[in-house]
C-alpha atoms as a PDB file:
ATOM      1  CA  MET A   1      22.699  12.758  -7.360  1.00  0.00           C
ATOM      2  CA  LYS A   2      22.427  10.706 -10.533  1.00  0.00           C
ATOM      3  CA  GLY A   3      19.873   7.910 -10.684  1.00  0.00           C
ATOM      4  CA  HIS A   4      17.742   9.303  -7.844  1.00  0.00           C
ATOM      5  CA  LEU A   5      14.273  10.770  -7.657  1.00  0.00           C
ATOM      6  CA  TYR A   6      13.418  13.691  -5.402  1.00  0.00           C
ATOM      7  CA  CYS A   7      10.354  14.316  -3.300  1.00  0.00           C
ATOM      8  CA  PRO A   8       8.688  17.481  -4.653  1.00  0.00           C
ATOM      9  CA  ARG A   9       7.636  18.491  -1.148  1.00  0.00           C
ATOM     10  CA  CYS A  10      10.836  18.169   0.909  1.00  0.00           C
ATOM     11  CA  LYS A  11      13.446  17.521  -1.840  1.00  0.00           C
ATOM     12  CA  THR A  12      14.648  14.315  -0.144  1.00  0.00           C
ATOM     13  CA  PRO A  13      16.332  11.928  -2.614  1.00  0.00           C
ATOM     14  CA  PHE A  14      15.261   8.302  -2.839  1.00  0.00           C
ATOM     15  CA  GLU A  15      16.432   5.520  -5.080  1.00  0.00           C
ATOM     16  CA  PRO A  16      14.335   4.084  -7.902  1.00  0.00           C
ATOM     17  CA  ARG A  17      14.572   0.598  -6.387  1.00  0.00           C
ATOM     18  CA  GLN A  18      12.265   1.851  -3.608  1.00  0.00           C
ATOM     19  CA  LEU A  19       9.466   2.180  -6.181  1.00  0.00           C
ATOM     20  CA  GLN A  20       6.639  -0.333  -6.008  1.00  0.00           C
ATOM     21  CA  ILE A  21       5.450  -1.089  -9.526  1.00  0.00           C
ATOM     22  CA  SER A  22       1.830  -2.017 -10.154  1.00  0.00           C
ATOM     23  CA  GLY A  23       0.512  -2.028 -13.699  1.00  0.00           C
ATOM     24  CA  ASP A  24       1.434   1.166 -15.524  1.00  0.00           C
ATOM     25  CA  GLU A  25       2.245   3.119 -12.365  1.00  0.00           C
ATOM     26  CA  ALA A  26       5.020   3.201  -9.798  1.00  0.00           C
ATOM     27  CA  HIS A  27       4.346   4.292  -6.217  1.00  0.00           C
ATOM     28  CA  VAL A  28       6.658   5.337  -3.412  1.00  0.00           C
ATOM     29  CA  ARG A  29       6.329   6.991  -0.024  1.00  0.00           C
ATOM     30  CA  CYS A  30       8.927   9.635   0.833  1.00  0.00           C
ATOM     31  CA  PRO A  31      11.069   8.361   3.726  1.00  0.00           C
ATOM     32  CA  ALA A  32      11.381  11.861   5.227  1.00  0.00           C
ATOM     33  CA  CYS A  33       7.967  13.507   5.019  1.00  0.00           C
ATOM     34  CA  GLY A  34       5.711  10.541   4.205  1.00  0.00           C
ATOM     35  CA  GLU A  35       4.335  12.096   0.996  1.00  0.00           C
ATOM     36  CA  SER A  36       2.785   9.454  -1.272  1.00  0.00           C
ATOM     37  CA  LEU A  37       4.082   9.827  -4.844  1.00  0.00           C
ATOM     38  CA  SER A  38       2.930   8.162  -8.058  1.00  0.00           C
ATOM     39  CA  TYR A  39       4.735   8.032 -11.385  1.00  0.00           C
ATOM     40  CA  SER A  40       3.441   6.964 -14.775  1.00  0.00           C
ATOM     41  CA  LEU A  41       5.321   4.225 -16.609  1.00  0.00           C
ATOM     42  CA  SER A  42       3.960   5.145 -20.027  1.00  0.00           C
ATOM     43  CA  SER A  43       6.435   4.744 -22.872  1.00  0.00           C
ATOM     44  CA  GLY A  44       6.971   8.500 -23.293  1.00  0.00           C
ATOM     45  CA  SER A  45       7.612   9.143 -19.616  1.00  0.00           C
ATOM     46  CA  ASP A  46      11.010  10.227 -18.392  1.00  0.00           C
ATOM     47  CA  LEU A  47      10.080  10.182 -14.707  1.00  0.00           C
ATOM     48  CA  LEU A  48      12.145   7.101 -13.885  1.00  0.00           C
ATOM     49  CA  PRO A  49      15.844   7.917 -14.330  1.00  0.00           C
ATOM     50  CA  VAL A  50      17.073   4.520 -13.147  1.00  0.00           C
ATOM     51  CA  SER A  51      20.699   5.033 -14.092  1.00  0.00           C
ATOM     52  CA  ASP A  52      22.803   6.939 -16.580  1.00  0.00           C
ATOM     53  CA  ASP A  53      24.463   3.854 -18.012  1.00  0.00           C
ATOM     54  CA  SER A  54      22.564   0.831 -19.231  1.00  0.00           C
ATOM     55  CA  THR A  55      25.160  -1.742 -18.259  1.00  0.00           C
ATOM     56  CA  VAL A  56      24.551  -4.408 -15.680  1.00  0.00           C
ATOM     57  CA  LYS A  57      25.748  -3.353 -12.260  1.00  0.00           C
ATOM     58  CA  THR A  58      28.588  -5.373 -10.810  1.00  0.00           C
ATOM     59  CA  GLU A  59      26.391  -6.959  -8.144  1.00  0.00           C
ATOM     60  CA  SER A  60      24.019  -8.441 -10.745  1.00  0.00           C
ATOM     61  CA  PHE A  61      25.100 -12.000 -11.535  1.00  0.00           C
ATOM     62  CA  ALA A  62      28.424 -11.409  -9.705  1.00  0.00           C
ATOM     63  CA  ALA A  63      28.525 -14.977  -8.407  1.00  0.00           C
ATOM     64  CA  ARG A  64      27.249 -16.435 -11.695  1.00  0.00           C
ATOM     65  CA  PRO A  65      29.445 -15.461 -14.649  1.00  0.00           C
ATOM     66  CA  ASP A  66      27.641 -17.907 -16.955  1.00  0.00           C
ATOM     67  CA  LEU A  67      24.353 -16.083 -16.361  1.00  0.00           C
ATOM     68  CA  ALA A  68      26.059 -12.710 -16.765  1.00  0.00           C
ATOM     69  CA  ALA A  69      27.344 -13.750 -20.189  1.00  0.00           C
ATOM     70  CA  GLN A  70      23.887 -14.927 -21.260  1.00  0.00           C
ATOM     71  CA  TRP A  71      22.327 -11.694 -19.969  1.00  0.00           C
ATOM     72  CA  GLU A  72      24.731  -9.640 -22.076  1.00  0.00           C
ATOM     73  CA  GLN A  73      23.560 -11.577 -25.138  1.00  0.00           C
ATOM     74  CA  ILE A  74      19.843 -10.962 -24.584  1.00  0.00           C
ATOM     75  CA  ARG A  75      19.740  -7.599 -22.805  1.00  0.00           C
ATOM     76  CA  ASN A  76      19.277  -5.593 -26.027  1.00  0.00           C
ATOM     77  CA  LEU A  77      16.483  -7.845 -27.323  1.00  0.00           C
ATOM     78  CA  PRO A  78      12.845  -6.818 -26.760  1.00  0.00           C
ATOM     79  CA  THR A  79      11.671  -7.865 -23.302  1.00  0.00           C
ATOM     80  CA  ASP A  80       8.788  -9.898 -24.742  1.00  0.00           C
ATOM     81  CA  SER A  81      11.095 -12.137 -26.780  1.00  0.00           C
ATOM     82  CA  PRO A  82      11.270 -15.908 -26.153  1.00  0.00           C
ATOM     83  CA  GLU A  83      14.946 -15.561 -25.226  1.00  0.00           C
ATOM     84  CA  HIS A  84      13.928 -13.505 -22.182  1.00  0.00           C
ATOM     85  CA  ASP A  85      11.352 -16.175 -21.284  1.00  0.00           C
ATOM     86  CA  SER A  86      13.918 -18.966 -21.370  1.00  0.00           C
ATOM     87  CA  PHE A  87      16.438 -16.862 -19.435  1.00  0.00           C
ATOM     88  CA  LEU A  88      13.801 -16.139 -16.781  1.00  0.00           C
ATOM     89  CA  GLU A  89      13.151 -19.866 -16.465  1.00  0.00           C
ATOM     90  CA  LEU A  90      16.892 -20.571 -16.217  1.00  0.00           C
ATOM     91  CA  CYS A  91      17.334 -17.979 -13.464  1.00  0.00           C
ATOM     92  CA  PHE A  92      14.336 -19.466 -11.637  1.00  0.00           C
ATOM     93  CA  ARG A  93      15.888 -22.937 -11.733  1.00  0.00           C
ATOM     94  CA  LYS A  94      19.290 -21.636 -10.588  1.00  0.00           C
ATOM     95  CA  GLY A  95      17.859 -19.403  -7.846  1.00  0.00           C
ATOM     96  CA  ALA A  96      19.043 -16.147  -9.400  1.00  0.00           C
ATOM     97  CA  LEU A  97      15.765 -14.208  -9.511  1.00  0.00           C
ATOM     98  CA  HIS A  98      17.171 -11.415  -7.329  1.00  0.00           C
ATOM     99  CA  ASP A  99      20.051 -10.899  -9.745  1.00  0.00           C
ATOM    100  CA  LEU A 100      17.673 -10.953 -12.702  1.00  0.00           C
ATOM    101  CA  ALA A 101      15.431  -8.314 -11.113  1.00  0.00           C
ATOM    102  CA  GLY A 102      18.459  -6.071 -10.609  1.00  0.00           C
ATOM    103  CA  ALA A 103      19.502  -6.574 -14.208  1.00  0.00           C
ATOM    104  CA  TYR A 104      16.025  -5.677 -15.484  1.00  0.00           C
ATOM    105  CA  ARG A 105      16.000  -2.524 -13.371  1.00  0.00           C
ATOM    106  CA  THR A 106      19.099  -1.308 -15.197  1.00  0.00           C
ATOM    107  CA  ILE A 107      17.248  -1.365 -18.535  1.00  0.00           C
ATOM    108  CA  GLN A 108      14.021   0.096 -17.161  1.00  0.00           C
ATOM    109  CA  THR A 109      14.382   3.368 -19.064  1.00  0.00           C
ATOM    110  CA  ASP A 110      14.520   1.553 -22.431  1.00  0.00           C
ATOM    111  CA  ASP A 111      11.202  -0.313 -22.109  1.00  0.00           C
ATOM    112  CA  PRO A 112       9.380   0.563 -18.870  1.00  0.00           C
ATOM    113  CA  LYS A 113       6.209  -1.418 -19.591  1.00  0.00           C
ATOM    114  CA  GLY A 114       8.059  -4.542 -20.663  1.00  0.00           C
ATOM    115  CA  VAL A 115      10.408  -4.345 -17.686  1.00  0.00           C
ATOM    116  CA  ALA A 116       7.476  -3.794 -15.302  1.00  0.00           C
ATOM    117  CA  LYS A 117       5.853  -6.927 -16.744  1.00  0.00           C
ATOM    118  CA  ARG A 118       9.079  -8.934 -16.282  1.00  0.00           C
ATOM    119  CA  LEU A 119       9.551  -7.659 -12.726  1.00  0.00           C
ATOM    120  CA  ARG A 120       5.995  -8.748 -11.930  1.00  0.00           C
ATOM    121  CA  GLN A 121       6.743 -12.206 -13.344  1.00  0.00           C
ATOM    122  CA  ILE A 122       9.887 -12.391 -11.220  1.00  0.00           C
ATOM    123  CA  GLU A 123       7.875 -11.382  -8.151  1.00  0.00           C
ATOM    124  CA  ILE A 124       5.330 -14.134  -8.818  1.00  0.00           C
ATOM    125  CA  LEU A 125       8.040 -16.748  -9.347  1.00  0.00           C
ATOM    126  CA  ALA A 126       9.819 -15.676  -6.164  1.00  0.00           C
ATOM    127  CA  THR A 127       6.569 -15.992  -4.239  1.00  0.00           C
ATOM    128  CA  MET A 128       6.036 -19.478  -5.635  1.00  0.00           C
ATOM    129  CA  THR A 129       9.354 -20.661  -4.191  1.00  0.00           C
ATOM    130  CA  MET A 130       8.344 -19.772  -0.640  1.00  0.00           C
ATOM    131  CA  THR A 131       7.077 -22.792   1.282  1.00  0.00           C
ATOM    132  CA  PRO A 132       4.990 -22.197   4.417  1.00  0.00           C
ATOM    133  CA  ALA A 133       5.836 -25.468   6.155  1.00  0.00           C
ATOM    134  CA  THR A 134       8.491 -28.092   5.743  1.00  0.00           C
ATOM    135  CA  LYS A 135       7.904 -31.821   5.797  1.00  0.00           C
ATOM    136  CA  LYS A 136       9.567 -32.117   9.208  1.00  0.00           C
ATOM    137  CA  ARG A 137       7.141 -29.604  10.715  1.00  0.00           C
ATOM    138  CA  VAL A 138       4.167 -31.501   9.345  1.00  0.00           C
ATOM    139  CA  GLN A 139       5.526 -34.795  10.716  1.00  0.00           C
ATOM    140  CA  ALA A 140       6.184 -33.187  14.103  1.00  0.00           C
ATOM    141  CA  LYS A 141       2.607 -31.875  14.240  1.00  0.00           C
ATOM    142  CA  ARG A 142       1.228 -35.328  13.409  1.00  0.00           C
ATOM    143  CA  LEU A 143       3.375 -36.931  16.091  1.00  0.00           C
ATOM    144  CA  GLY A 144       2.195 -34.347  18.613  1.00  0.00           C
ATOM    145  CA  LYS A 145      -1.436 -35.102  17.762  1.00  0.00           C
ATOM    146  CA  TRP A 146      -0.883 -38.848  18.240  1.00  0.00           C
ATOM    147  CA  ILE A 147       0.772 -38.320  21.601  1.00  0.00           C
ATOM    148  CA  PHE A 148      -2.112 -36.085  22.689  1.00  0.00           C
ATOM    149  CA  TYR A 149      -4.748 -38.670  21.685  1.00  0.00           C
ATOM    150  CA  VAL A 150      -2.893 -41.535  23.407  1.00  0.00           C
ATOM    151  CA  LEU A 151      -2.564 -39.512  26.617  1.00  0.00           C
ATOM    152  CA  LEU A 152      -6.248 -38.538  26.427  1.00  0.00           C
ATOM    153  CA  ALA A 153      -7.254 -42.175  26.000  1.00  0.00           C
ATOM    154  CA  LEU A 154      -5.068 -43.219  28.978  1.00  0.00           C
ATOM    155  CA  PHE A 155      -6.599 -40.473  31.091  1.00  0.00           C
ATOM    156  CA  LEU A 156     -10.118 -41.590  30.198  1.00  0.00           C
ATOM    157  CA  VAL A 157      -9.287 -45.236  31.007  1.00  0.00           C
ATOM    158  CA  LEU A 158      -7.773 -44.200  34.335  1.00  0.00           C
ATOM    159  CA  PHE A 159     -10.786 -42.018  35.122  1.00  0.00           C
ATOM    160  CA  MET A 160     -13.214 -44.845  34.330  1.00  0.00           C
ATOM    161  CA  TRP A 161     -11.179 -47.263  36.497  1.00  0.00           C
ATOM    162  CA  VAL A 162     -11.256 -44.811  39.415  1.00  0.00           C
ATOM    163  CA  LEU A 163     -15.029 -44.403  39.084  1.00  0.00           C
ATOM    164  CA  MET A 164     -15.605 -48.157  39.048  1.00  0.00           C
ATOM    165  CA  ALA A 165     -13.168 -48.868  41.885  1.00  0.00           C
ATOM    166  CA  THR A 166     -14.718 -46.454  44.379  1.00  0.00           C
ATOM    167  CA  PRO A 167     -17.848 -47.683  46.220  1.00  0.00           C
ATOM    168  CA  TYR A 168     -20.917 -45.484  46.513  1.00  0.00           C
END
């Protein structure tokens, strides 16, 4: 199978996109036997055969032909160039970080360290777009607190009235 890695223990194939990249290493757990594997991303390493062709896969930027055309213009530039920075920002604004990550994975064999750095930047930007609570939830919680306090105050007034109204 082209573009796959194999577990040395059980020979089960797994795809490179299952790798978790951290720094200069990539880690994966074999889905069959559970063996924990680590690969070096040093520039001379050939342990990550991502794909045999270095073209963008059809699913990358499929819904955004304008971004696909821009990617084709910058894909052969070094990954630390300002053009890649501006394209990353453009994809962030247009919500195409997933497509950009897929496109970077296709050129991972050319510059593994630079691509790992870009994938980490994409991961950070994607995390920044997640919002834990919406404005409506916050307003609903505030309204719930007000209702609780009003009911508590009414209960206390009623309780005090009952205590004063009953003779000893």
